[in-house]
Amino acid sequence: MSLMKSFVVFIFILIGCQESQINWLATERVDVYKNDDSFEVLFRILPGEMCGLSLHWEATKAAGYKKVICEAGEGWVIDDRSFKRAD
């Protein structure tokens, strides 16, 4: 990834998810859902991708979700154990 593209992704994450920890690295494949009340997969985060992950869970009738913003887009995850802090 070029330096400019990395910078744009960083700014997108910073602006789009103000309550996120910016440097979270996926350690395994993670399904990202369309919204916080469905199980429709919007895209998948692959191991090694960096994303912004919300600090807070959103509770719904179906499950608990966290907002995630990545280069591929934004959506909701139901499990944050597949991420590690990338310091």
N, C-alpha and C. Protein backbone atom coordinates (compact mmCIF):
# COMPACT_ATOMS: atom_id res chain seq x y z
N MET A 1 0.85 -1.17 0.00
CA MET A 1 0.00 0.00 0.00
C MET A 1 0.90 1.23 0.00
N SER A 2 0.56 2.18 -0.85
CA SER A 2 1.36 3.40 -0.94
C SER A 2 1.20 4.24 0.32
N LEU A 3 2.15 5.11 0.52
CA LEU A 3 2.13 5.99 1.69
C LEU A 3 0.90 6.90 1.66
N MET A 4 0.56 7.42 0.50
CA MET A 4 -0.60 8.30 0.37
C MET A 4 -1.89 7.54 0.69
N LYS A 5 -2.01 6.33 0.15
CA LYS A 5 -3.21 5.53 0.41
C LYS A 5 -3.31 5.20 1.90
N SER A 6 -2.19 4.88 2.52
CA SER A 6 -2.18 4.60 3.96
C SER A 6 -2.64 5.82 4.75
N PHE A 7 -2.19 6.99 4.35
CA PHE A 7 -2.57 8.22 5.02
C PHE A 7 -4.07 8.47 4.88
N VAL A 8 -4.61 8.27 3.68
CA VAL A 8 -6.03 8.47 3.44
C VAL A 8 -6.86 7.51 4.29
N VAL A 9 -6.43 6.23 4.38
CA VAL A 9 -7.13 5.25 5.21
C VAL A 9 -7.09 5.67 6.67
N PHE A 10 -5.93 6.14 7.13
CA PHE A 10 -5.79 6.59 8.51
C PHE A 10 -6.75 7.74 8.81
N ILE A 11 -6.82 8.72 7.92
CA ILE A 11 -7.72 9.86 8.12
C ILE A 11 -9.17 9.41 8.10
N PHE A 12 -9.51 8.50 7.17
CA PHE A 12 -10.87 7.96 7.10
C PHE A 12 -11.25 7.31 8.42
N ILE A 13 -10.37 6.51 8.97
CA ILE A 13 -10.63 5.83 10.23
C ILE A 13 -10.74 6.84 11.36
N LEU A 14 -9.84 7.81 11.39
CA LEU A 14 -9.83 8.81 12.45
C LEU A 14 -11.11 9.64 12.46
N ILE A 15 -11.55 10.07 11.30
CA ILE A 15 -12.76 10.89 11.21
C ILE A 15 -14.01 10.05 11.38
N GLY A 16 -14.04 8.88 10.77
CA GLY A 16 -15.25 8.08 10.74
C GLY A 16 -15.59 7.38 12.02
N CYS A 17 -14.64 7.17 12.88
CA CYS A 17 -14.92 6.44 14.11
C CYS A 17 -14.16 7.11 15.25
N GLN A 18 -14.70 8.21 15.72
CA GLN A 18 -14.00 9.02 16.70
C GLN A 18 -13.79 8.30 18.02
N GLU A 19 -14.62 7.30 18.34
CA GLU A 19 -14.48 6.58 19.59
C GLU A 19 -13.70 5.29 19.42
N SER A 20 -12.88 5.21 18.39
CA SER A 20 -12.18 3.95 18.14
C SER A 20 -10.73 4.01 18.57
N GLN A 21 -10.16 2.84 18.74
CA GLN A 21 -8.74 2.69 18.89
C GLN A 21 -8.22 2.49 17.46
N ILE A 22 -7.40 3.35 16.97
CA ILE A 22 -7.03 3.37 15.57
C ILE A 22 -6.27 2.13 15.13
N ASN A 23 -5.34 1.67 15.92
CA ASN A 23 -4.44 0.62 15.48
C ASN A 23 -4.82 -0.77 15.98
N TRP A 24 -5.85 -1.35 15.41
CA TRP A 24 -6.23 -2.72 15.71
C TRP A 24 -5.95 -3.57 14.48
N LEU A 25 -5.26 -4.69 14.68
CA LEU A 25 -4.84 -5.57 13.59
C LEU A 25 -5.62 -6.87 13.67
N ALA A 26 -6.20 -7.29 12.55
CA ALA A 26 -6.94 -8.55 12.52
C ALA A 26 -5.95 -9.71 12.56
N THR A 27 -6.20 -10.67 13.42
CA THR A 27 -5.33 -11.85 13.54
C THR A 27 -5.89 -13.05 12.79
N GLU A 28 -7.15 -12.96 12.40
CA GLU A 28 -7.79 -14.01 11.61
C GLU A 28 -8.92 -13.37 10.81
N ARG A 29 -9.53 -14.13 9.90
CA ARG A 29 -10.62 -13.59 9.09
C ARG A 29 -11.81 -13.25 9.97
N VAL A 30 -12.39 -12.07 9.74
CA VAL A 30 -13.53 -11.58 10.53
C VAL A 30 -14.64 -11.15 9.58
N ASP A 31 -15.84 -11.65 9.81
CA ASP A 31 -17.00 -11.20 9.05
C ASP A 31 -17.46 -9.85 9.58
N VAL A 32 -17.76 -8.94 8.67
CA VAL A 32 -18.28 -7.62 9.03
C VAL A 32 -19.72 -7.56 8.50
N TYR A 33 -20.64 -7.24 9.40
CA TYR A 33 -22.05 -7.27 9.07
C TYR A 33 -22.56 -5.90 8.65
N LYS A 34 -23.60 -5.91 7.85
CA LYS A 34 -24.17 -4.71 7.25
C LYS A 34 -24.66 -3.70 8.28
N ASN A 35 -25.35 -4.17 9.29
CA ASN A 35 -25.81 -3.27 10.34
C ASN A 35 -25.88 -4.02 11.66
N ASP A 36 -26.26 -3.31 12.70
CA ASP A 36 -26.20 -3.91 14.03
C ASP A 36 -27.46 -4.69 14.41
N ASP A 37 -28.26 -5.06 13.43
CA ASP A 37 -29.40 -5.92 13.75
C ASP A 37 -29.63 -6.99 12.68
N SER A 38 -28.59 -7.30 11.91
CA SER A 38 -28.71 -8.38 10.93
C SER A 38 -27.41 -9.17 10.87
N PHE A 39 -27.51 -10.33 10.30
CA PHE A 39 -26.31 -11.16 10.12
C PHE A 39 -25.93 -11.24 8.65
N GLU A 40 -26.26 -10.21 7.88
CA GLU A 40 -25.87 -10.14 6.47
C GLU A 40 -24.42 -9.66 6.38
N VAL A 41 -23.54 -10.54 5.85
CA VAL A 41 -22.12 -10.20 5.75
C VAL A 41 -21.91 -9.17 4.64
N LEU A 42 -21.30 -8.04 5.01
CA LEU A 42 -21.02 -6.96 4.07
C LEU A 42 -19.67 -7.17 3.40
N PHE A 43 -18.64 -7.51 4.20
CA PHE A 43 -17.31 -7.84 3.68
C PHE A 43 -16.57 -8.60 4.76
N ARG A 44 -15.37 -9.06 4.44
CA ARG A 44 -14.55 -9.79 5.41
C ARG A 44 -13.22 -9.08 5.59
N ILE A 45 -12.79 -8.99 6.84
CA ILE A 45 -11.48 -8.46 7.16
C ILE A 45 -10.52 -9.65 7.14
N LEU A 46 -9.41 -9.49 6.45
CA LEU A 46 -8.43 -10.57 6.35
C LEU A 46 -7.33 -10.38 7.37
N PRO A 47 -6.66 -11.46 7.77
CA PRO A 47 -5.55 -11.35 8.72
C PRO A 47 -4.51 -10.34 8.23
N GLY A 48 -4.08 -9.49 9.13
CA GLY A 48 -3.08 -8.48 8.80
C GLY A 48 -3.66 -7.12 8.45
N GLU A 49 -4.97 -7.03 8.22
CA GLU A 49 -5.59 -5.74 7.93
C GLU A 49 -5.76 -4.93 9.21
N MET A 50 -5.53 -3.62 9.11
CA MET A 50 -5.68 -2.74 10.25
C MET A 50 -7.01 -2.00 10.15
N CYS A 51 -7.72 -1.90 11.28
CA CYS A 51 -9.03 -1.27 11.30
C CYS A 51 -9.20 -0.45 12.57
N GLY A 52 -10.14 0.47 12.53
CA GLY A 52 -10.59 1.17 13.73
C GLY A 52 -11.74 0.38 14.33
N LEU A 53 -11.67 0.12 15.61
CA LEU A 53 -12.68 -0.70 16.28
C LEU A 53 -13.26 0.09 17.44
N SER A 54 -14.57 0.21 17.49
CA SER A 54 -15.25 0.96 18.54
C SER A 54 -14.88 0.40 19.92
N LEU A 55 -14.83 1.27 20.89
CA LEU A 55 -14.55 0.85 22.26
C LEU A 55 -15.80 0.29 22.95
N HIS A 56 -16.96 0.61 22.43
CA HIS A 56 -18.22 0.28 23.09
C HIS A 56 -19.02 -0.74 22.29
N TRP A 57 -19.69 -1.62 22.99
CA TRP A 57 -20.60 -2.58 22.39
C TRP A 57 -21.96 -1.96 22.22
N GLU A 58 -22.67 -2.30 21.14
CA GLU A 58 -24.06 -1.94 20.92
C GLU A 58 -24.89 -3.19 21.13
N ALA A 59 -25.83 -3.15 22.03
CA ALA A 59 -26.67 -4.32 22.30
C ALA A 59 -27.94 -4.23 21.47
N THR A 60 -28.27 -5.35 20.82
CA THR A 60 -29.52 -5.44 20.06
C THR A 60 -30.25 -6.70 20.50
N LYS A 61 -31.39 -6.95 19.89
CA LYS A 61 -32.14 -8.17 20.22
C LYS A 61 -31.36 -9.42 19.83
N ALA A 62 -30.59 -9.33 18.75
CA ALA A 62 -29.91 -10.51 18.22
C ALA A 62 -28.55 -10.77 18.87
N ALA A 63 -27.78 -9.73 19.13
CA ALA A 63 -26.40 -9.92 19.63
C ALA A 63 -25.83 -8.58 20.06
N GLY A 64 -24.56 -8.62 20.46
CA GLY A 64 -23.82 -7.40 20.74
C GLY A 64 -22.88 -7.14 19.58
N TYR A 65 -22.75 -5.89 19.18
CA TYR A 65 -21.93 -5.53 18.04
C TYR A 65 -20.97 -4.41 18.41
N LYS A 66 -19.85 -4.35 17.68
CA LYS A 66 -18.94 -3.22 17.73
C LYS A 66 -18.78 -2.68 16.32
N LYS A 67 -18.78 -1.37 16.20
CA LYS A 67 -18.57 -0.71 14.91
C LYS A 67 -17.11 -0.87 14.51
N VAL A 68 -16.88 -1.14 13.23
CA VAL A 68 -15.53 -1.28 12.70
C VAL A 68 -15.43 -0.49 11.40
N ILE A 69 -14.30 0.18 11.21
CA ILE A 69 -14.05 0.92 9.99
C ILE A 69 -12.69 0.48 9.45
N CYS A 70 -12.70 0.02 8.21
CA CYS A 70 -11.49 -0.49 7.56
C CYS A 70 -11.38 0.11 6.17
N GLU A 71 -10.30 -0.19 5.50
CA GLU A 71 -10.13 0.28 4.14
C GLU A 71 -11.26 -0.24 3.24
N ALA A 72 -11.72 -1.45 3.47
CA ALA A 72 -12.78 -2.05 2.65
C ALA A 72 -14.15 -1.45 2.92
N GLY A 73 -14.32 -0.76 4.01
CA GLY A 73 -15.61 -0.16 4.34
C GLY A 73 -15.85 -0.14 5.84
N GLU A 74 -17.09 0.05 6.21
CA GLU A 74 -17.44 0.04 7.62
C GLU A 74 -18.66 -0.82 7.85
N GLY A 75 -18.75 -1.34 9.06
CA GLY A 75 -19.86 -2.20 9.42
C GLY A 75 -19.77 -2.57 10.88
N TRP A 76 -20.24 -3.78 11.20
CA TRP A 76 -20.34 -4.21 12.59
C TRP A 76 -19.77 -5.61 12.75
N VAL A 77 -19.05 -5.85 13.84
CA VAL A 77 -18.53 -7.18 14.16
C VAL A 77 -19.16 -7.65 15.46
N ILE A 78 -19.26 -8.96 15.62
CA ILE A 78 -19.86 -9.50 16.85
C ILE A 78 -18.82 -10.08 17.79
N ASP A 79 -17.55 -10.03 17.39
CA ASP A 79 -16.48 -10.61 18.20
C ASP A 79 -15.22 -9.79 17.99
N ASP A 80 -14.61 -9.31 19.08
CA ASP A 80 -13.37 -8.54 18.94
C ASP A 80 -12.13 -9.34 19.34
N ARG A 81 -12.29 -10.63 19.59
CA ARG A 81 -11.14 -11.44 19.98
C ARG A 81 -10.20 -11.70 18.83
N SER A 82 -10.61 -11.41 17.61
CA SER A 82 -9.78 -11.63 16.43
C SER A 82 -8.94 -10.40 16.08
N PHE A 83 -8.85 -9.45 16.99
CA PHE A 83 -8.06 -8.25 16.81
C PHE A 83 -7.04 -8.11 17.93
N LYS A 84 -5.88 -7.58 17.60
CA LYS A 84 -4.90 -7.25 18.63
C LYS A 84 -4.43 -5.81 18.40
N ARG A 85 -4.06 -5.19 19.47
CA ARG A 85 -3.58 -3.80 19.41
C ARG A 85 -2.27 -3.78 18.65
N ALA A 86 -2.17 -2.95 17.64
CA ALA A 86 -0.95 -2.83 16.82
C ALA A 86 -0.22 -1.56 17.21
N ASP A 87 0.57 -1.63 18.24
CA ASP A 87 1.30 -0.44 18.72
C ASP A 87 2.60 -0.24 18.01
